[in-house]
C-alpha atoms as a PDB file:
ATOM      1  CA  MET A   1     111.566  44.612  74.129  1.00  0.00           C
ATOM      2  CA  ALA A   2     114.545  44.337  76.820  1.00  0.00           C
ATOM      3  CA  THR A   3     117.243  46.506  77.211  1.00  0.00           C
ATOM      4  CA  ARG A   4     120.428  46.260  79.304  1.00  0.00           C
ATOM      5  CA  GLY A   5     118.498  47.058  82.484  1.00  0.00           C
ATOM      6  CA  GLY A   6     115.421  45.063  81.776  1.00  0.00           C
ATOM      7  CA  LEU A   7     112.362  46.253  80.054  1.00  0.00           C
ATOM      8  CA  HIS A   8     112.518  49.029  77.737  1.00  0.00           C
ATOM      9  CA  PRO A   9     111.965  52.410  79.350  1.00  0.00           C
ATOM     10  CA  ALA A  10     109.043  53.195  77.200  1.00  0.00           C
ATOM     11  CA  PHE A  11     107.360  49.907  78.013  1.00  0.00           C
ATOM     12  CA  ARG A  12     107.881  50.448  81.744  1.00  0.00           C
ATOM     13  CA  ALA A  13     106.440  54.018  81.457  1.00  0.00           C
ATOM     14  CA  LEU A  14     103.402  52.512  79.679  1.00  0.00           C
ATOM     15  CA  ILE A  15     102.898  49.811  82.248  1.00  0.00           C
ATOM     16  CA  ALA A  16     103.233  52.596  85.214  1.00  0.00           C
ATOM     17  CA  LEU A  17     100.754  54.723  83.381  1.00  0.00           C
ATOM     18  CA  LEU A  18      98.239  51.799  83.070  1.00  0.00           C
ATOM     19  CA  VAL A  19      98.612  50.825  86.677  1.00  0.00           C
ATOM     20  CA  VAL A  20      97.835  54.571  87.729  1.00  0.00           C
ATOM     21  CA  ALA A  21      94.982  54.969  85.258  1.00  0.00           C
ATOM     22  CA  GLY A  22      93.605  51.557  86.730  1.00  0.00           C
ATOM     23  CA  LEU A  23      93.923  52.756  90.242  1.00  0.00           C
ATOM     24  CA  VAL A  24      92.362  55.923  89.625  1.00  0.00           C
ATOM     25  CA  ALA A  25      89.328  54.506  87.507  1.00  0.00           C
ATOM     26  CA  ALA A  26      88.736  52.162  90.534  1.00  0.00           C
ATOM     27  CA  LEU A  27      88.919  54.904  93.107  1.00  0.00           C
ATOM     28  CA  ILE A  28      86.555  57.169  90.869  1.00  0.00           C
ATOM     29  CA  TRP A  29      84.150  54.051  90.575  1.00  0.00           C
ATOM     30  CA  TRP A  30      84.371  53.227  94.318  1.00  0.00           C
ATOM     31  CA  SER A  31      84.127  56.894  95.481  1.00  0.00           C
ATOM     32  CA  PRO A  32      84.676  56.582  98.972  1.00  0.00           C
ATOM     33  CA  PRO A  33      83.666  59.346 101.476  1.00  0.00           C
ATOM     34  CA  GLY A  34      86.487  61.518 101.907  1.00  0.00           C
ATOM     35  CA  LEU A  35      88.110  60.874  98.501  1.00  0.00           C
ATOM     36  CA  TYR A  36      88.377  64.492  97.366  1.00  0.00           C
ATOM     37  CA  ALA A  37      90.463  65.345 100.566  1.00  0.00           C
ATOM     38  CA  TRP A  38      92.735  62.375  99.863  1.00  0.00           C
ATOM     39  CA  VAL A  39      93.218  62.996  96.142  1.00  0.00           C
ATOM     40  CA  LYS A  40      93.984  66.695  97.154  1.00  0.00           C
ATOM     41  CA  ALA A  41      96.499  65.907  99.627  1.00  0.00           C
ATOM     42  CA  PHE A  42      98.181  63.349  97.303  1.00  0.00           C
ATOM     43  CA  HIS A  43      98.032  66.198  94.525  1.00  0.00           C
ATOM     44  CA  ILE A  44      99.939  68.390  96.901  1.00  0.00           C
ATOM     45  CA  ILE A  45     102.457  65.749  97.628  1.00  0.00           C
ATOM     46  CA  ALA A  46     103.027  65.010  94.008  1.00  0.00           C
ATOM     47  CA  VAL A  47     103.363  68.907  93.101  1.00  0.00           C
ATOM     48  CA  MET A  48     105.901  69.313  95.826  1.00  0.00           C
ATOM     49  CA  SER A  49     107.923  66.554  94.607  1.00  0.00           C
ATOM     50  CA  TRP A  50     107.894  67.766  91.108  1.00  0.00           C
ATOM     51  CA  MET A  51     108.800  71.300  92.083  1.00  0.00           C
ATOM     52  CA  ALA A  52     111.566  70.008  94.395  1.00  0.00           C
ATOM     53  CA  GLY A  53     113.145  68.297  91.134  1.00  0.00           C
ATOM     54  CA  MET A  54     112.265  71.093  88.911  1.00  0.00           C
ATOM     55  CA  LEU A  55     114.319  73.325  91.141  1.00  0.00           C
ATOM     56  CA  TYR A  56     117.232  71.026  91.699  1.00  0.00           C
ATOM     57  CA  LEU A  57     117.875  69.692  88.348  1.00  0.00           C
ATOM     58  CA  PRO A  58     119.071  72.733  86.828  1.00  0.00           C
ATOM     59  CA  ARG A  59     121.513  73.439  89.850  1.00  0.00           C
ATOM     60  CA  LEU A  60     122.897  69.947  89.027  1.00  0.00           C
ATOM     61  CA  PHE A  61     123.358  71.441  85.182  1.00  0.00           C
ATOM     62  CA  VAL A  62     125.174  74.565  86.744  1.00  0.00           C
ATOM     63  CA  TYR A  63     127.605  72.265  88.615  1.00  0.00           C
ATOM     64  CA  HIS A  64     127.806  69.750  85.609  1.00  0.00           C
ATOM     65  CA  THR A  65     128.871  72.595  83.379  1.00  0.00           C
ATOM     66  CA  THR A  66     132.127  72.867  85.290  1.00  0.00           C
ATOM     67  CA  SER A  67     133.220  69.351  85.140  1.00  0.00           C
ATOM     68  CA  GLU A  68     135.572  67.994  82.486  1.00  0.00           C
ATOM     69  CA  PRO A  69     133.414  65.737  79.943  1.00  0.00           C
ATOM     70  CA  GLY A  70     134.321  62.282  80.631  1.00  0.00           C
ATOM     71  CA  SER A  71     135.649  62.725  84.034  1.00  0.00           C
ATOM     72  CA  THR A  72     134.398  60.999  87.223  1.00  0.00           C
ATOM     73  CA  GLN A  73     132.671  64.074  88.469  1.00  0.00           C
ATOM     74  CA  SER A  74     130.879  64.410  85.056  1.00  0.00           C
ATOM     75  CA  GLU A  75     129.880  60.612  85.059  1.00  0.00           C
ATOM     76  CA  THR A  76     128.475  61.122  88.621  1.00  0.00           C
ATOM     77  CA  PHE A  77     126.278  64.081  87.571  1.00  0.00           C
ATOM     78  CA  LYS A  78     125.038  62.115  84.538  1.00  0.00           C
ATOM     79  CA  VAL A  79     123.706  59.448  87.078  1.00  0.00           C
ATOM     80  CA  MET A  80     122.424  61.867  89.330  1.00  0.00           C
ATOM     81  CA  GLU A  81     120.340  63.898  86.703  1.00  0.00           C
ATOM     82  CA  ARG A  82     119.166  60.696  84.982  1.00  0.00           C
ATOM     83  CA  ARG A  83     117.780  59.041  88.245  1.00  0.00           C
ATOM     84  CA  LEU A  84     116.265  62.377  89.570  1.00  0.00           C
ATOM     85  CA  LEU A  85     114.377  62.695  86.228  1.00  0.00           C
ATOM     86  CA  ARG A  86     113.225  59.223  85.869  1.00  0.00           C
ATOM     87  CA  ALA A  87     112.495  58.350  89.541  1.00  0.00           C
ATOM     88  CA  ILE A  88     111.200  61.622  91.027  1.00  0.00           C
ATOM     89  CA  ILE A  89     110.405  64.299  88.463  1.00  0.00           C
ATOM     90  CA  ASN A  90     108.679  62.426  85.678  1.00  0.00           C
ATOM     91  CA  PRO A  91     106.422  60.216  88.022  1.00  0.00           C
ATOM     92  CA  ALA A  92     105.687  63.212  90.122  1.00  0.00           C
ATOM     93  CA  MET A  93     104.560  65.449  86.929  1.00  0.00           C
ATOM     94  CA  VAL A  94     102.327  62.547  85.840  1.00  0.00           C
ATOM     95  CA  ALA A  95     100.710  62.127  89.221  1.00  0.00           C
ATOM     96  CA  SER A  96     100.460  65.924  89.636  1.00  0.00           C
ATOM     97  CA  TRP A  97      98.556  66.096  86.234  1.00  0.00           C
ATOM     98  CA  VAL A  98      96.175  63.143  86.675  1.00  0.00           C
ATOM     99  CA  LEU A  99      95.280  63.910  90.364  1.00  0.00           C
ATOM    100  CA  GLY A 100      94.809  67.749  89.313  1.00  0.00           C
ATOM    101  CA  LEU A 101      92.686  66.897  86.436  1.00  0.00           C
ATOM    102  CA  TRP A 102      90.463  64.779  88.636  1.00  0.00           C
ATOM    103  CA  LEU A 103      90.083  67.517  91.203  1.00  0.00           C
ATOM    104  CA  ALA A 104      89.193  69.966  88.575  1.00  0.00           C
ATOM    105  CA  TRP A 105      86.721  67.574  87.251  1.00  0.00           C
ATOM    106  CA  ASP A 106      85.374  66.561  90.492  1.00  0.00           C
ATOM    107  CA  GLY A 107      84.938  70.237  91.495  1.00  0.00           C
ATOM    108  CA  SER A 108      83.287  71.072  88.135  1.00  0.00           C
ATOM    109  CA  TRP A 109      85.834  73.922  87.520  1.00  0.00           C
ATOM    110  CA  PHE A 110      86.790  73.324  83.854  1.00  0.00           C
ATOM    111  CA  GLY A 111      85.030  76.584  82.961  1.00  0.00           C
ATOM    112  CA  ALA A 112      86.497  78.686  85.568  1.00  0.00           C
ATOM    113  CA  GLY A 113      88.864  81.362  84.490  1.00  0.00           C
ATOM    114  CA  TRP A 114      91.434  80.811  87.223  1.00  0.00           C
ATOM    115  CA  LEU A 115      91.709  77.242  86.453  1.00  0.00           C
ATOM    116  CA  ASN A 116      92.237  77.894  82.845  1.00  0.00           C
ATOM    117  CA  ALA A 117      94.963  80.354  83.694  1.00  0.00           C
ATOM    118  CA  LYS A 118      96.403  77.854  86.000  1.00  0.00           C
ATOM    119  CA  LEU A 119      96.378  75.171  83.467  1.00  0.00           C
ATOM    120  CA  ALA A 120      98.274  77.417  81.259  1.00  0.00           C
ATOM    121  CA  LEU A 121     100.944  77.886  83.611  1.00  0.00           C
ATOM    122  CA  VAL A 122     101.009  74.169  84.295  1.00  0.00           C
ATOM    123  CA  VAL A 123     101.432  73.454  80.424  1.00  0.00           C
ATOM    124  CA  ALA A 124     104.391  76.092  80.614  1.00  0.00           C
ATOM    125  CA  LEU A 125     105.911  74.285  83.599  1.00  0.00           C
ATOM    126  CA  SER A 126     105.493  70.999  81.687  1.00  0.00           C
ATOM    127  CA  ALA A 127     107.296  72.385  78.581  1.00  0.00           C
ATOM    128  CA  ILE A 128     110.208  73.433  80.758  1.00  0.00           C
ATOM    129  CA  HIS A 129     110.220  69.898  82.245  1.00  0.00           C
ATOM    130  CA  GLY A 130     110.641  68.569  78.879  1.00  0.00           C
ATOM    131  CA  PHE A 131     113.384  70.992  77.958  1.00  0.00           C
ATOM    132  CA  TYR A 132     115.092  69.655  81.036  1.00  0.00           C
ATOM    133  CA  ALA A 133     114.858  66.137  79.955  1.00  0.00           C
ATOM    134  CA  ARG A 134     116.447  67.106  76.692  1.00  0.00           C
ATOM    135  CA  CYS A 135     119.101  68.825  78.754  1.00  0.00           C
ATOM    136  CA  VAL A 136     119.571  65.443  80.694  1.00  0.00           C
ATOM    137  CA  ARG A 137     119.991  63.556  77.242  1.00  0.00           C
ATOM    138  CA  GLU A 138     122.572  66.143  75.881  1.00  0.00           C
ATOM    139  CA  PHE A 139     124.710  65.920  79.179  1.00  0.00           C
ATOM    140  CA  ALA A 140     124.494  62.225  78.932  1.00  0.00           C
ATOM    141  CA  THR A 141     126.166  62.095  75.648  1.00  0.00           C
ATOM    142  CA  ASP A 142     128.482  65.084  76.463  1.00  0.00           C
ATOM    143  CA  ARG A 143     126.522  67.591  73.958  1.00  0.00           C
ATOM    144  CA  ASN A 144     125.712  70.458  76.494  1.00  0.00           C
ATOM    145  CA  ARG A 145     125.227  73.565  74.584  1.00  0.00           C
ATOM    146  CA  HIS A 146     124.568  76.075  77.395  1.00  0.00           C
ATOM    147  CA  SER A 147     126.513  78.153  79.978  1.00  0.00           C
ATOM    148  CA  GLN A 148     126.365  78.223  83.696  1.00  0.00           C
ATOM    149  CA  GLN A 149     124.588  81.474  83.542  1.00  0.00           C
ATOM    150  CA  PHE A 150     121.906  80.169  81.276  1.00  0.00           C
ATOM    151  CA  TYR A 151     121.073  77.333  83.712  1.00  0.00           C
ATOM    152  CA  ARG A 152     121.062  79.776  86.714  1.00  0.00           C
ATOM    153  CA  VAL A 153     118.348  82.088  84.689  1.00  0.00           C
ATOM    154  CA  LEU A 154     116.743  78.954  83.747  1.00  0.00           C
ATOM    155  CA  ASN A 155     116.228  77.821  87.318  1.00  0.00           C
ATOM    156  CA  GLU A 156     114.319  80.893  88.099  1.00  0.00           C
ATOM    157  CA  ILE A 157     111.388  80.066  85.692  1.00  0.00           C
ATOM    158  CA  PRO A 158     109.844  77.184  87.497  1.00  0.00           C
ATOM    159  CA  THR A 159     109.874  79.333  90.709  1.00  0.00           C
ATOM    160  CA  ILE A 160     107.887  82.072  88.897  1.00  0.00           C
ATOM    161  CA  LEU A 161     105.309  79.644  87.410  1.00  0.00           C
ATOM    162  CA  MET A 162     104.954  78.108  90.667  1.00  0.00           C
ATOM    163  CA  ILE A 163     104.147  81.373  92.354  1.00  0.00           C
ATOM    164  CA  GLY A 164     101.517  82.232  89.774  1.00  0.00           C
ATOM    165  CA  ILE A 165      99.793  78.592  90.066  1.00  0.00           C
ATOM    166  CA  VAL A 166      99.710  78.730  93.809  1.00  0.00           C
ATOM    167  CA  ILE A 167      98.185  82.184  93.761  1.00  0.00           C
ATOM    168  CA  LEU A 168      95.599  81.136  91.156  1.00  0.00           C
ATOM    169  CA  ALA A 169      94.690  77.908  92.966  1.00  0.00           C
ATOM    170  CA  VAL A 170      94.334  79.613  96.404  1.00  0.00           C
ATOM    171  CA  VAL A 171      92.980  83.095  95.688  1.00  0.00           C
ATOM    172  CA  ARG A 172      90.949  82.098  92.664  1.00  0.00           C
ATOM    173  CA  PRO A 173      91.061  85.740  91.490  1.00  0.00           C
ATOM    174  CA  PHE A 174      88.465  85.344  88.627  1.00  0.00           C
END
């Protein structure tokens, strides 16, 4: 179960998910006064972190496409992309989902139209996240198949989704 850097990444992820699930369960069981506000604050922080990474990673891809495979610059981009994805974007996405679902459950909003529309947009954002992860793996093996222009356009999709998500969460139009 060990790799060159210690535990296998899937095992580390499982441990992290179990720890987060345990902490969330403990908070729900304890249910201290003001818990909703704290969960909402951490949800907003997680979403901000997720979006920061989702907006920065494709910019790295744009610059990475200009570097020669195997060059020092290309290898530096590989490290930056991998670390950004694993250390910031992935944990922030998991926290956003867990905390957001708890807020929806605690607020009894699962039947609300605005929440269903918001969840559809968050699922789309998660799909883009998955595509970004695939791009990181392709760059890591010097098998990028896309142009700078492709990544420039792709960089706009999370922004558009974020605008829709924020409007739905704040305005709650239906």
